[in-house]
Every structure is written in structure tokens, then in C-alpha cells.
Amino acid sequence: MKHTISVLVENHAGVLSRITGLFSRRGFNIDSLAVGVTEDKSVSRMTIVVEGDSYTVEQMEKQLNKVVDVIKVRTIPQQELICRELMLIKCNATGRTRSELLDIAKIMGADIVDLTKTTMTLEICDTPDRLDLLEELLKAYNIQEVMRTGTIALQKGNAAISAR
């Protein structure tokens, strides 16, 4: 099962290296990792998506809490999760396939961000499952390149993970 862990850390050099090193030493694989500053510029939020059972995730949380630069760690329950990911995807677009690609982009809510005589690049921000679906739909159009940012997430409602 996939778990989304939100980690608030001090925003300074070497923190990301220490966190990823911890995962590596323990043999934990990271499926997705996104890092960015928060409303407080001295604090960064890491969104880490991992595969594992509840015991494994609990052990990861305990290890993360031991890192000096870590302020807070919280696994966000799936039903309380708002998550998004950004994807750029470039595929072949000839005269006869261009209209089909435009239809797919419109239906999926993707924007065309680059268009040449032979290619079309789409941009979409949505849930990881929807991005997987778009990628699957575009396989028939000879995908040339794909870039995904990794999942960012917040907890729904009034619940918040803050440094304060």
C-alpha cells in the first residue's frame, strides 16, 4: 500500500541528503519525493510517497523523527489527502493525429504548451492516477519524453502540519 508522509524540515543545505540517506541505509524505496519552502521561508516541506505496510511506515516515521533537522513528521491518511502532480509529456503529432491529441488533451484537462510540425507537448496537473491514465492514452502516439514532478500533498480540512 502507498503511504504519503509529510515532513517539515529546517530549510538549509544537506537536509535532503540526510533524509534520503536515512531511507537508503534502511533499504526503504522512495516512490516520489517533492520538496519546497513553506509559508515560513526557514522551513521546507517534503512530501514522500512510499510503498509498505503500516509497521514499515511507522518505522520510517520513527527514524525521520531522529534526524536533527526534522521539525514534524506526519503520515497523511489516504481519505484525508489532497495530492497533485505536474507532468509534461511530449509525443509525435502529425497532421492526422493532431486533432486526436487535441481531443484527448481537452477531455483530460491538459494544456498544450509546445507545438511543432512533428510534436506536441502537453502539461497537466492532477492526481497521480489521472496522470497515469493520460500517459496510457498517449502511448499509441509514440511518447518521446515524459517528466513528472512527484506528488505534493496537504491534509484536507482544518488539519494542518505546521512548524508552529
C-alpha atoms as a PDB file:
ATOM      1  CA  MET A   1       0.000   0.000   0.000  1.00  0.00           C
ATOM      2  CA  LYS A   2       1.212   3.528  -0.786  1.00  0.00           C
ATOM      3  CA  HIS A   3       1.657   5.979   2.082  1.00  0.00           C
ATOM      4  CA  THR A   4       2.173   9.744   1.895  1.00  0.00           C
ATOM      5  CA  ILE A   5       4.462  11.203   4.541  1.00  0.00           C
ATOM      6  CA  SER A   6       4.671  14.957   5.078  1.00  0.00           C
ATOM      7  CA  VAL A   7       7.892  16.107   6.743  1.00  0.00           C
ATOM      8  CA  LEU A   8       8.682  19.645   7.877  1.00  0.00           C
ATOM      9  CA  VAL A   9      12.421  20.290   7.983  1.00  0.00           C
ATOM     10  CA  GLU A  10      14.813  23.171   8.587  1.00  0.00           C
ATOM     11  CA  ASN A  11      15.467  24.857   5.246  1.00  0.00           C
ATOM     12  CA  HIS A  12      19.232  24.600   4.890  1.00  0.00           C
ATOM     13  CA  ALA A  13      21.901  22.728   2.960  1.00  0.00           C
ATOM     14  CA  GLY A  14      22.329  18.996   3.471  1.00  0.00           C
ATOM     15  CA  VAL A  15      18.893  18.189   4.901  1.00  0.00           C
ATOM     16  CA  LEU A  16      17.645  16.420   1.766  1.00  0.00           C
ATOM     17  CA  SER A  17      20.834  14.365   1.636  1.00  0.00           C
ATOM     18  CA  ARG A  18      20.437  13.273   5.271  1.00  0.00           C
ATOM     19  CA  ILE A  19      16.786  12.288   4.758  1.00  0.00           C
ATOM     20  CA  THR A  20      17.387  10.309   1.553  1.00  0.00           C
ATOM     21  CA  GLY A  21      20.486   8.722   3.106  1.00  0.00           C
ATOM     22  CA  LEU A  22      18.362   7.513   6.009  1.00  0.00           C
ATOM     23  CA  PHE A  23      15.924   5.846   3.603  1.00  0.00           C
ATOM     24  CA  SER A  24      18.778   4.302   1.628  1.00  0.00           C
ATOM     25  CA  ARG A  25      20.565   2.904   4.708  1.00  0.00           C
ATOM     26  CA  ARG A  26      17.322   1.304   5.911  1.00  0.00           C
ATOM     27  CA  GLY A  27      16.555  -0.180   2.491  1.00  0.00           C
ATOM     28  CA  PHE A  28      13.354   1.862   2.043  1.00  0.00           C
ATOM     29  CA  ASN A  29      12.478   2.826  -1.522  1.00  0.00           C
ATOM     30  CA  ILE A  30      11.004   6.262  -2.221  1.00  0.00           C
ATOM     31  CA  ASP A  31       8.315   6.219  -4.934  1.00  0.00           C
ATOM     32  CA  SER A  32       8.000  10.004  -5.061  1.00  0.00           C
ATOM     33  CA  LEU A  33       9.772  12.928  -3.420  1.00  0.00           C
ATOM     34  CA  ALA A  34       8.919  16.627  -3.661  1.00  0.00           C
ATOM     35  CA  VAL A  35      10.474  19.414  -1.605  1.00  0.00           C
ATOM     36  CA  GLY A  36       9.640  23.098  -1.375  1.00  0.00           C
ATOM     37  CA  VAL A  37       9.644  26.008   1.040  1.00  0.00           C
ATOM     38  CA  THR A  38       6.563  26.674   3.142  1.00  0.00           C
ATOM     39  CA  GLU A  39       4.882  29.907   4.213  1.00  0.00           C
ATOM     40  CA  ASP A  40       7.847  30.212   6.612  1.00  0.00           C
ATOM     41  CA  LYS A  41      10.976  30.548   4.430  1.00  0.00           C
ATOM     42  CA  SER A  42      13.124  28.884   7.121  1.00  0.00           C
ATOM     43  CA  VAL A  43      11.068  25.673   6.813  1.00  0.00           C
ATOM     44  CA  SER A  44      10.696  23.267   3.877  1.00  0.00           C
ATOM     45  CA  ARG A  45       8.007  20.631   3.390  1.00  0.00           C
ATOM     46  CA  MET A  46       8.966  17.245   1.991  1.00  0.00           C
ATOM     47  CA  THR A  47       6.233  15.055   0.558  1.00  0.00           C
ATOM     48  CA  ILE A  48       7.466  11.472   0.434  1.00  0.00           C
ATOM     49  CA  VAL A  49       5.419   8.655  -1.094  1.00  0.00           C
ATOM     50  CA  VAL A  50       6.489   5.144  -0.114  1.00  0.00           C
ATOM     51  CA  GLU A  51       5.203   1.623  -0.564  1.00  0.00           C
ATOM     52  CA  GLY A  52       4.888  -0.521   2.538  1.00  0.00           C
ATOM     53  CA  ASP A  53       2.784  -1.842   5.349  1.00  0.00           C
ATOM     54  CA  SER A  54       1.795   0.130   8.452  1.00  0.00           C
ATOM     55  CA  TYR A  55       4.691  -1.268  10.500  1.00  0.00           C
ATOM     56  CA  THR A  56       7.264  -0.213   7.896  1.00  0.00           C
ATOM     57  CA  VAL A  57       5.819   3.306   7.665  1.00  0.00           C
ATOM     58  CA  GLU A  58       5.796   3.584  11.463  1.00  0.00           C
ATOM     59  CA  GLN A  59       9.492   2.654  11.486  1.00  0.00           C
ATOM     60  CA  MET A  60      10.213   5.268   8.816  1.00  0.00           C
ATOM     61  CA  GLU A  61       8.436   7.923  10.893  1.00  0.00           C
ATOM     62  CA  LYS A  62      10.481   6.988  13.976  1.00  0.00           C
ATOM     63  CA  GLN A  63      13.729   7.190  12.006  1.00  0.00           C
ATOM     64  CA  LEU A  64      12.759  10.541  10.462  1.00  0.00           C
ATOM     65  CA  ASN A  65      11.964  11.975  13.909  1.00  0.00           C
ATOM     66  CA  LYS A  66      15.553  11.188  14.988  1.00  0.00           C
ATOM     67  CA  VAL A  67      17.038  13.466  12.307  1.00  0.00           C
ATOM     68  CA  VAL A  68      18.125  16.745  13.918  1.00  0.00           C
ATOM     69  CA  ASP A  69      16.763  18.974  11.126  1.00  0.00           C
ATOM     70  CA  VAL A  70      13.288  17.387  11.168  1.00  0.00           C
ATOM     71  CA  ILE A  71      10.610  19.528  12.822  1.00  0.00           C
ATOM     72  CA  LYS A  72       7.479  17.370  12.307  1.00  0.00           C
ATOM     73  CA  VAL A  73       6.534  14.117  10.600  1.00  0.00           C
ATOM     74  CA  ARG A  74       3.019  13.021   9.733  1.00  0.00           C
ATOM     75  CA  THR A  75       1.647  10.260   7.541  1.00  0.00           C
ATOM     76  CA  ILE A  76      -1.484  11.613   5.901  1.00  0.00           C
ATOM     77  CA  PRO A  77      -4.313   9.051   5.777  1.00  0.00           C
ATOM     78  CA  GLN A  78      -5.462   8.312   2.212  1.00  0.00           C
ATOM     79  CA  GLN A  79      -9.018   9.525   2.846  1.00  0.00           C
ATOM     80  CA  GLU A  80      -7.709  12.882   4.177  1.00  0.00           C
ATOM     81  CA  LEU A  81      -5.279  13.520   1.328  1.00  0.00           C
ATOM     82  CA  ILE A  82      -5.295  16.220  -1.333  1.00  0.00           C
ATOM     83  CA  CYS A  83      -2.485  15.432  -3.740  1.00  0.00           C
ATOM     84  CA  ARG A  84      -1.354  16.701  -7.121  1.00  0.00           C
ATOM     85  CA  GLU A  85       1.472  16.103  -9.520  1.00  0.00           C
ATOM     86  CA  LEU A  86       2.637  18.012 -12.581  1.00  0.00           C
ATOM     87  CA  MET A  87       3.536  16.214 -15.817  1.00  0.00           C
ATOM     88  CA  LEU A  88       4.949  17.363 -19.136  1.00  0.00           C
ATOM     89  CA  ILE A  89       4.554  14.821 -21.913  1.00  0.00           C
ATOM     90  CA  LYS A  90       5.803  15.137 -25.492  1.00  0.00           C
ATOM     91  CA  CYS A  91       4.571  12.884 -28.278  1.00  0.00           C
ATOM     92  CA  ASN A  92       4.565  12.712 -32.042  1.00  0.00           C
ATOM     93  CA  ALA A  93       1.852  14.844 -33.631  1.00  0.00           C
ATOM     94  CA  THR A  94       1.436  14.551 -37.361  1.00  0.00           C
ATOM     95  CA  GLY A  95      -1.354  16.166 -39.352  1.00  0.00           C
ATOM     96  CA  ARG A  96      -3.625  13.160 -38.995  1.00  0.00           C
ATOM     97  CA  THR A  97      -3.073  12.569 -35.249  1.00  0.00           C
ATOM     98  CA  ARG A  98      -3.027  16.194 -34.110  1.00  0.00           C
ATOM     99  CA  SER A  99      -6.824  16.502 -33.761  1.00  0.00           C
ATOM    100  CA  GLU A 100      -6.995  13.237 -31.786  1.00  0.00           C
ATOM    101  CA  LEU A 101      -4.329  14.536 -29.411  1.00  0.00           C
ATOM    102  CA  LEU A 102      -6.210  17.821 -29.021  1.00  0.00           C
ATOM    103  CA  ASP A 103      -9.373  15.885 -28.124  1.00  0.00           C
ATOM    104  CA  ILE A 104      -7.524  13.788 -25.525  1.00  0.00           C
ATOM    105  CA  ALA A 105      -5.929  16.919 -24.047  1.00  0.00           C
ATOM    106  CA  LYS A 106      -9.316  18.646 -23.795  1.00  0.00           C
ATOM    107  CA  ILE A 107     -11.041  15.660 -22.189  1.00  0.00           C
ATOM    108  CA  MET A 108      -8.207  15.171 -19.663  1.00  0.00           C
ATOM    109  CA  GLY A 109      -7.832  18.883 -18.873  1.00  0.00           C
ATOM    110  CA  ALA A 110      -4.279  19.144 -20.216  1.00  0.00           C
ATOM    111  CA  ASP A 111      -2.817  22.286 -21.775  1.00  0.00           C
ATOM    112  CA  ILE A 112      -0.745  22.352 -24.964  1.00  0.00           C
ATOM    113  CA  VAL A 113       2.487  24.135 -24.038  1.00  0.00           C
ATOM    114  CA  ASP A 114       4.515  23.468 -27.187  1.00  0.00           C
ATOM    115  CA  LEU A 115       3.591  22.577 -30.747  1.00  0.00           C
ATOM    116  CA  THR A 116       5.843  21.900 -33.720  1.00  0.00           C
ATOM    117  CA  LYS A 117       5.256  20.318 -37.117  1.00  0.00           C
ATOM    118  CA  THR A 118       6.036  16.898 -35.668  1.00  0.00           C
ATOM    119  CA  THR A 119       5.460  17.072 -31.900  1.00  0.00           C
ATOM    120  CA  MET A 120       3.010  18.239 -29.260  1.00  0.00           C
ATOM    121  CA  THR A 121       3.863  18.766 -25.596  1.00  0.00           C
ATOM    122  CA  LEU A 122       1.083  18.671 -23.017  1.00  0.00           C
ATOM    123  CA  GLU A 123       1.079  19.917 -19.442  1.00  0.00           C
ATOM    124  CA  ILE A 124      -1.281  18.573 -16.805  1.00  0.00           C
ATOM    125  CA  CYS A 125      -1.598  18.999 -13.065  1.00  0.00           C
ATOM    126  CA  ASP A 126      -3.795  16.335 -11.492  1.00  0.00           C
ATOM    127  CA  THR A 127      -3.761  13.256  -9.277  1.00  0.00           C
ATOM    128  CA  PRO A 128      -1.102  10.626  -9.993  1.00  0.00           C
ATOM    129  CA  ASP A 129      -3.803   8.184 -11.185  1.00  0.00           C
ATOM    130  CA  ARG A 130      -5.105  10.679 -13.769  1.00  0.00           C
ATOM    131  CA  LEU A 131      -1.555  11.322 -14.995  1.00  0.00           C
ATOM    132  CA  ASP A 132      -1.043   7.564 -15.372  1.00  0.00           C
ATOM    133  CA  LEU A 133      -4.273   7.415 -17.396  1.00  0.00           C
ATOM    134  CA  LEU A 134      -3.180  10.230 -19.731  1.00  0.00           C
ATOM    135  CA  GLU A 135       0.194   8.593 -20.242  1.00  0.00           C
ATOM    136  CA  GLU A 136      -1.517   5.298 -21.088  1.00  0.00           C
ATOM    137  CA  LEU A 137      -3.828   7.034 -23.589  1.00  0.00           C
ATOM    138  CA  LEU A 138      -0.874   8.732 -25.298  1.00  0.00           C
ATOM    139  CA  LYS A 139       1.254   5.592 -25.707  1.00  0.00           C
ATOM    140  CA  ALA A 140      -0.390   4.997 -29.082  1.00  0.00           C
ATOM    141  CA  TYR A 141       1.013   8.369 -30.250  1.00  0.00           C
ATOM    142  CA  ASN A 142       4.670   7.479 -29.675  1.00  0.00           C
ATOM    143  CA  ILE A 143       5.636   9.307 -26.491  1.00  0.00           C
ATOM    144  CA  GLN A 144       9.069  10.906 -26.864  1.00  0.00           C
ATOM    145  CA  GLU A 145       9.597  12.294 -23.361  1.00  0.00           C
ATOM    146  CA  VAL A 146       7.831  12.365 -20.001  1.00  0.00           C
ATOM    147  CA  MET A 147       8.707  14.423 -16.930  1.00  0.00           C
ATOM    148  CA  ARG A 148       6.771  14.230 -13.662  1.00  0.00           C
ATOM    149  CA  THR A 149       7.397  16.353 -10.594  1.00  0.00           C
ATOM    150  CA  GLY A 150       6.456  13.905  -7.890  1.00  0.00           C
ATOM    151  CA  THR A 151       3.476  14.181  -5.592  1.00  0.00           C
ATOM    152  CA  ILE A 152       2.783  17.205  -3.432  1.00  0.00           C
ATOM    153  CA  ALA A 153       0.136  16.835  -0.750  1.00  0.00           C
ATOM    154  CA  LEU A 154      -1.755  18.552   2.040  1.00  0.00           C
ATOM    155  CA  GLN A 155      -4.292  17.264   4.509  1.00  0.00           C
ATOM    156  CA  LYS A 156      -7.956  18.125   3.853  1.00  0.00           C
ATOM    157  CA  GLY A 157      -9.968  20.450   6.041  1.00  0.00           C
ATOM    158  CA  ASN A 158      -8.781  22.297   9.122  1.00  0.00           C
ATOM    159  CA  ALA A 159      -5.994  19.851   9.955  1.00  0.00           C
ATOM    160  CA  ALA A 160      -2.564  21.314   9.228  1.00  0.00           C
ATOM    161  CA  ILE A 161       1.021  20.292   9.675  1.00  0.00           C
ATOM    162  CA  SER A 162       2.820  23.457  10.675  1.00  0.00           C
ATOM    163  CA  ALA A 163       6.107  24.314  12.330  1.00  0.00           C
ATOM    164  CA  ARG A 164       4.329  26.434  14.914  1.00  0.00           C
END
